[in-house]
Amino acid sequence: MSNVFVPDAKGAVTLTKIQPNRAADGAVSFLESLARDVALVLKSLGGSAHQNVVIDCVTALKRNRGEAVTQDLRKSVVEAFERYSQWFARPFGEGSMRWALIAEPA
């Protein structure tokens, strides 16, 4: 189980427990790991959220697991979102800051 910080409609953030989605052999690249975290966060937020909320939640998830959070994490999360486009979409079109989960990682 992992904890994710989830904002409510009023902007208050609560800690929510969620089950991580891992590859069967556990061996995933850094970007795939980030993409899986994005998918996990989006699923916990009901399937879609603003890019900044997703990145903040991924950052909190990594910190909660005791993983290092670097200055370039935001850029890496966006890169993972774009590289694993079979899992994600921008429901309001290119240039939109809204992200959505369209397929769960296997």
N, C-alpha and C. Protein backbone atom coordinates (compact mmCIF):
# COMPACT_ATOMS: atom_id res chain seq x y z
N MET A 1 0.83 -1.18 0.00
CA MET A 1 0.00 0.00 0.00
C MET A 1 0.88 1.24 0.00
N SER A 2 0.43 2.25 -0.72
CA SER A 2 1.10 3.54 -0.74
C SER A 2 0.09 4.61 -0.36
N ASN A 3 0.61 5.73 0.07
CA ASN A 3 -0.24 6.86 0.40
C ASN A 3 -0.09 7.93 -0.67
N VAL A 4 -1.19 8.54 -1.04
CA VAL A 4 -1.19 9.64 -2.00
C VAL A 4 -1.95 10.79 -1.39
N PHE A 5 -1.44 11.99 -1.57
CA PHE A 5 -2.13 13.18 -1.10
C PHE A 5 -3.13 13.59 -2.16
N VAL A 6 -4.40 13.64 -1.80
CA VAL A 6 -5.47 13.91 -2.74
C VAL A 6 -6.20 15.18 -2.33
N PRO A 7 -6.23 16.19 -3.25
CA PRO A 7 -6.96 17.41 -2.93
C PRO A 7 -8.46 17.21 -3.10
N ASP A 8 -9.25 17.81 -2.22
CA ASP A 8 -10.70 17.74 -2.38
C ASP A 8 -11.20 18.98 -3.12
N ALA A 9 -12.49 19.11 -3.28
CA ALA A 9 -13.08 20.20 -4.05
C ALA A 9 -12.76 21.57 -3.46
N LYS A 10 -12.51 21.64 -2.16
CA LYS A 10 -12.22 22.92 -1.51
C LYS A 10 -10.72 23.21 -1.46
N GLY A 11 -9.90 22.29 -2.00
CA GLY A 11 -8.46 22.50 -2.01
C GLY A 11 -7.72 21.90 -0.84
N ALA A 12 -8.45 21.34 0.13
CA ALA A 12 -7.80 20.68 1.25
C ALA A 12 -7.20 19.36 0.77
N VAL A 13 -6.06 19.01 1.31
CA VAL A 13 -5.37 17.79 0.88
C VAL A 13 -5.50 16.74 1.97
N THR A 14 -5.89 15.52 1.57
CA THR A 14 -6.00 14.41 2.51
C THR A 14 -5.08 13.29 2.06
N LEU A 15 -4.64 12.49 2.99
CA LEU A 15 -3.78 11.35 2.72
C LEU A 15 -4.66 10.13 2.47
N THR A 16 -4.48 9.49 1.31
CA THR A 16 -5.30 8.35 0.92
C THR A 16 -4.41 7.15 0.63
N LYS A 17 -4.77 5.98 1.13
CA LYS A 17 -4.00 4.77 0.85
C LYS A 17 -4.48 4.16 -0.47
N ILE A 18 -3.50 3.78 -1.32
CA ILE A 18 -3.82 3.12 -2.58
C ILE A 18 -2.85 1.98 -2.81
N GLN A 19 -3.25 1.02 -3.60
CA GLN A 19 -2.44 -0.14 -3.92
C GLN A 19 -1.57 0.17 -5.14
N PRO A 20 -0.24 0.01 -5.04
CA PRO A 20 0.61 0.29 -6.19
C PRO A 20 0.41 -0.71 -7.31
N ASN A 21 0.66 -0.28 -8.53
CA ASN A 21 0.57 -1.12 -9.72
C ASN A 21 1.99 -1.42 -10.18
N ARG A 22 2.46 -2.63 -10.01
CA ARG A 22 3.84 -3.00 -10.33
C ARG A 22 3.89 -3.97 -11.51
N ALA A 23 4.99 -3.93 -12.26
CA ALA A 23 5.23 -4.91 -13.31
C ALA A 23 5.50 -6.25 -12.64
N ALA A 24 5.19 -7.34 -13.34
CA ALA A 24 5.33 -8.68 -12.76
C ALA A 24 6.77 -8.97 -12.31
N ASP A 25 7.76 -8.58 -13.12
CA ASP A 25 9.14 -8.87 -12.75
C ASP A 25 9.79 -7.76 -11.93
N GLY A 26 9.07 -6.66 -11.75
CA GLY A 26 9.59 -5.56 -10.94
C GLY A 26 10.63 -4.70 -11.64
N ALA A 27 11.07 -5.10 -12.83
CA ALA A 27 12.10 -4.34 -13.53
C ALA A 27 11.45 -3.37 -14.52
N VAL A 28 11.46 -2.10 -14.17
CA VAL A 28 10.91 -1.08 -15.06
C VAL A 28 11.89 0.08 -15.15
N SER A 29 11.86 0.77 -16.28
CA SER A 29 12.73 1.93 -16.44
C SER A 29 12.24 3.07 -15.54
N PHE A 30 13.10 4.08 -15.38
CA PHE A 30 12.73 5.23 -14.57
C PHE A 30 11.48 5.91 -15.11
N LEU A 31 11.43 6.13 -16.43
CA LEU A 31 10.26 6.79 -17.02
C LEU A 31 9.01 5.93 -16.91
N GLU A 32 9.15 4.62 -17.08
CA GLU A 32 7.99 3.75 -16.92
C GLU A 32 7.50 3.78 -15.48
N SER A 33 8.44 3.80 -14.55
CA SER A 33 8.07 3.88 -13.14
C SER A 33 7.28 5.16 -12.86
N LEU A 34 7.75 6.28 -13.43
CA LEU A 34 7.02 7.54 -13.27
C LEU A 34 5.65 7.46 -13.93
N ALA A 35 5.58 6.85 -15.11
CA ALA A 35 4.30 6.73 -15.81
C ALA A 35 3.32 5.89 -14.99
N ARG A 36 3.83 4.84 -14.35
CA ARG A 36 2.98 4.02 -13.49
C ARG A 36 2.49 4.82 -12.28
N ASP A 37 3.36 5.67 -11.74
CA ASP A 37 2.96 6.54 -10.64
C ASP A 37 1.89 7.53 -11.11
N VAL A 38 2.05 8.10 -12.31
CA VAL A 38 1.05 9.01 -12.86
C VAL A 38 -0.29 8.28 -13.00
N ALA A 39 -0.25 7.05 -13.52
CA ALA A 39 -1.48 6.26 -13.68
C ALA A 39 -2.13 6.00 -12.33
N LEU A 40 -1.32 5.67 -11.34
CA LEU A 40 -1.82 5.40 -10.00
C LEU A 40 -2.49 6.64 -9.41
N VAL A 41 -1.84 7.79 -9.58
CA VAL A 41 -2.40 9.04 -9.07
C VAL A 41 -3.68 9.40 -9.80
N LEU A 42 -3.67 9.31 -11.13
CA LEU A 42 -4.88 9.64 -11.89
C LEU A 42 -6.04 8.73 -11.51
N LYS A 43 -5.75 7.45 -11.33
CA LYS A 43 -6.81 6.52 -10.92
C LYS A 43 -7.37 6.92 -9.56
N SER A 44 -6.48 7.31 -8.64
CA SER A 44 -6.94 7.68 -7.30
C SER A 44 -7.72 9.00 -7.30
N LEU A 45 -7.51 9.82 -8.35
CA LEU A 45 -8.21 11.10 -8.47
C LEU A 45 -9.46 11.00 -9.36
N GLY A 46 -9.88 9.78 -9.67
CA GLY A 46 -11.09 9.59 -10.45
C GLY A 46 -10.86 9.53 -11.95
N GLY A 47 -9.61 9.47 -12.39
CA GLY A 47 -9.34 9.27 -13.81
C GLY A 47 -8.77 10.48 -14.53
N SER A 48 -8.91 11.67 -13.97
CA SER A 48 -8.32 12.84 -14.61
C SER A 48 -8.05 13.93 -13.58
N ALA A 49 -7.09 14.79 -13.91
CA ALA A 49 -6.72 15.89 -13.01
C ALA A 49 -5.82 16.86 -13.75
N HIS A 50 -5.65 18.03 -13.17
CA HIS A 50 -4.74 19.04 -13.72
C HIS A 50 -3.30 18.53 -13.58
N GLN A 51 -2.49 18.84 -14.57
CA GLN A 51 -1.09 18.41 -14.60
C GLN A 51 -0.36 18.74 -13.29
N ASN A 52 -0.53 19.94 -12.76
CA ASN A 52 0.18 20.33 -11.54
C ASN A 52 -0.23 19.49 -10.34
N VAL A 53 -1.51 19.14 -10.25
CA VAL A 53 -1.98 18.29 -9.15
C VAL A 53 -1.35 16.90 -9.27
N VAL A 54 -1.31 16.37 -10.49
CA VAL A 54 -0.72 15.04 -10.70
C VAL A 54 0.75 15.06 -10.31
N ILE A 55 1.48 16.05 -10.77
CA ILE A 55 2.92 16.13 -10.46
C ILE A 55 3.14 16.28 -8.97
N ASP A 56 2.34 17.11 -8.31
CA ASP A 56 2.47 17.27 -6.85
C ASP A 56 2.20 15.95 -6.13
N CYS A 57 1.21 15.21 -6.59
CA CYS A 57 0.88 13.93 -5.96
C CYS A 57 1.97 12.89 -6.22
N VAL A 58 2.54 12.86 -7.42
CA VAL A 58 3.64 11.94 -7.72
C VAL A 58 4.84 12.28 -6.82
N THR A 59 5.12 13.56 -6.66
CA THR A 59 6.21 13.99 -5.79
C THR A 59 5.97 13.52 -4.36
N ALA A 60 4.77 13.70 -3.86
CA ALA A 60 4.43 13.26 -2.50
C ALA A 60 4.53 11.74 -2.37
N LEU A 61 4.09 11.03 -3.38
CA LEU A 61 4.16 9.57 -3.38
C LEU A 61 5.61 9.11 -3.29
N LYS A 62 6.48 9.71 -4.09
CA LYS A 62 7.90 9.35 -4.06
C LYS A 62 8.52 9.67 -2.70
N ARG A 63 8.22 10.83 -2.15
CA ARG A 63 8.76 11.20 -0.84
C ARG A 63 8.27 10.23 0.24
N ASN A 64 7.00 9.86 0.16
CA ASN A 64 6.42 8.95 1.13
C ASN A 64 7.09 7.57 1.08
N ARG A 65 7.54 7.17 -0.10
CA ARG A 65 8.24 5.89 -0.25
C ARG A 65 9.72 6.01 0.10
N GLY A 66 10.17 7.22 0.44
CA GLY A 66 11.57 7.42 0.79
C GLY A 66 12.49 7.56 -0.40
N GLU A 67 11.92 7.82 -1.58
CA GLU A 67 12.72 7.98 -2.79
C GLU A 67 13.16 9.44 -2.93
N ALA A 68 14.29 9.62 -3.60
CA ALA A 68 14.82 10.96 -3.82
C ALA A 68 13.91 11.73 -4.78
N VAL A 69 13.70 13.00 -4.49
CA VAL A 69 12.93 13.88 -5.36
C VAL A 69 13.89 14.96 -5.85
N THR A 70 14.19 14.94 -7.14
CA THR A 70 15.16 15.86 -7.72
C THR A 70 14.48 17.07 -8.33
N GLN A 71 15.28 18.09 -8.63
CA GLN A 71 14.76 19.33 -9.22
C GLN A 71 14.08 19.09 -10.57
N ASP A 72 14.55 18.09 -11.31
CA ASP A 72 14.00 17.85 -12.64
C ASP A 72 12.84 16.83 -12.66
N LEU A 73 12.30 16.52 -11.49
CA LEU A 73 11.21 15.54 -11.44
C LEU A 73 10.01 16.00 -12.26
N ARG A 74 9.63 17.26 -12.17
CA ARG A 74 8.48 17.78 -12.91
C ARG A 74 8.66 17.52 -14.41
N LYS A 75 9.84 17.83 -14.94
CA LYS A 75 10.13 17.61 -16.36
C LYS A 75 10.06 16.12 -16.70
N SER A 76 10.59 15.29 -15.82
CA SER A 76 10.59 13.84 -16.06
C SER A 76 9.17 13.26 -16.04
N VAL A 77 8.32 13.77 -15.15
CA VAL A 77 6.93 13.29 -15.10
C VAL A 77 6.20 13.66 -16.41
N VAL A 78 6.41 14.87 -16.89
CA VAL A 78 5.79 15.27 -18.17
C VAL A 78 6.32 14.40 -19.30
N GLU A 79 7.63 14.12 -19.31
CA GLU A 79 8.21 13.26 -20.34
C GLU A 79 7.61 11.85 -20.28
N ALA A 80 7.42 11.32 -19.07
CA ALA A 80 6.82 9.99 -18.91
C ALA A 80 5.38 9.99 -19.43
N PHE A 81 4.64 11.05 -19.12
CA PHE A 81 3.25 11.18 -19.60
C PHE A 81 3.22 11.14 -21.12
N GLU A 82 4.13 11.86 -21.75
CA GLU A 82 4.16 11.93 -23.21
C GLU A 82 4.66 10.63 -23.83
N ARG A 83 5.67 10.00 -23.23
CA ARG A 83 6.22 8.76 -23.79
C ARG A 83 5.23 7.61 -23.69
N TYR A 84 4.46 7.55 -22.62
CA TYR A 84 3.50 6.46 -22.42
C TYR A 84 2.09 6.94 -22.80
N SER A 85 2.00 7.53 -23.96
CA SER A 85 0.73 8.11 -24.43
C SER A 85 -0.35 7.06 -24.66
N GLN A 86 0.01 5.80 -24.71
CA GLN A 86 -1.02 4.76 -24.84
C GLN A 86 -1.82 4.62 -23.54
N TRP A 87 -1.31 5.17 -22.45
CA TRP A 87 -2.00 5.10 -21.16
C TRP A 87 -2.75 6.39 -20.84
N PHE A 88 -2.34 7.51 -21.46
CA PHE A 88 -2.84 8.82 -21.07
C PHE A 88 -3.35 9.64 -22.25
N ALA A 89 -4.14 10.66 -21.93
CA ALA A 89 -4.63 11.60 -22.95
C ALA A 89 -4.79 12.97 -22.33
N ARG A 90 -4.89 13.95 -23.19
CA ARG A 90 -5.27 15.31 -22.79
C ARG A 90 -6.71 15.48 -23.29
N PRO A 91 -7.70 15.27 -22.42
CA PRO A 91 -9.10 15.23 -22.87
C PRO A 91 -9.60 16.53 -23.49
N PHE A 92 -8.94 17.65 -23.21
CA PHE A 92 -9.37 18.93 -23.79
C PHE A 92 -8.45 19.35 -24.93
N GLY A 93 -7.64 18.41 -25.44
CA GLY A 93 -6.80 18.67 -26.60
C GLY A 93 -5.38 19.08 -26.25
N GLU A 94 -4.54 19.11 -27.29
CA GLU A 94 -3.14 19.50 -27.13
C GLU A 94 -3.05 20.88 -26.51
N GLY A 95 -2.10 21.04 -25.64
CA GLY A 95 -1.93 22.32 -24.96
C GLY A 95 -2.70 22.41 -23.66
N SER A 96 -3.65 21.50 -23.46
CA SER A 96 -4.43 21.47 -22.23
C SER A 96 -3.56 20.97 -21.09
N MET A 97 -3.82 21.46 -19.91
CA MET A 97 -3.08 21.01 -18.72
C MET A 97 -3.83 19.90 -17.98
N ARG A 98 -4.96 19.46 -18.54
CA ARG A 98 -5.75 18.38 -17.94
C ARG A 98 -5.23 17.06 -18.46
N TRP A 99 -4.95 16.13 -17.57
CA TRP A 99 -4.47 14.80 -17.93
C TRP A 99 -5.54 13.79 -17.56
N ALA A 100 -5.62 12.71 -18.37
CA ALA A 100 -6.59 11.66 -18.09
C ALA A 100 -5.97 10.29 -18.33
N LEU A 101 -6.41 9.33 -17.56
CA LEU A 101 -5.99 7.94 -17.71
C LEU A 101 -6.94 7.29 -18.69
N ILE A 102 -6.39 6.71 -19.78
CA ILE A 102 -7.26 6.05 -20.76
C ILE A 102 -7.08 4.53 -20.78
N ALA A 103 -5.96 4.05 -20.22
CA ALA A 103 -5.72 2.61 -20.12
C ALA A 103 -4.77 2.37 -18.95
N GLU A 104 -5.08 1.38 -18.15
CA GLU A 104 -4.21 1.07 -17.02
C GLU A 104 -3.01 0.25 -17.48
N PRO A 105 -1.83 0.55 -16.93
CA PRO A 105 -0.65 -0.24 -17.26
C PRO A 105 -0.84 -1.70 -16.88
N ALA A 106 -0.32 -2.58 -17.70
CA ALA A 106 -0.43 -4.02 -17.43
C ALA A 106 0.65 -4.46 -16.46
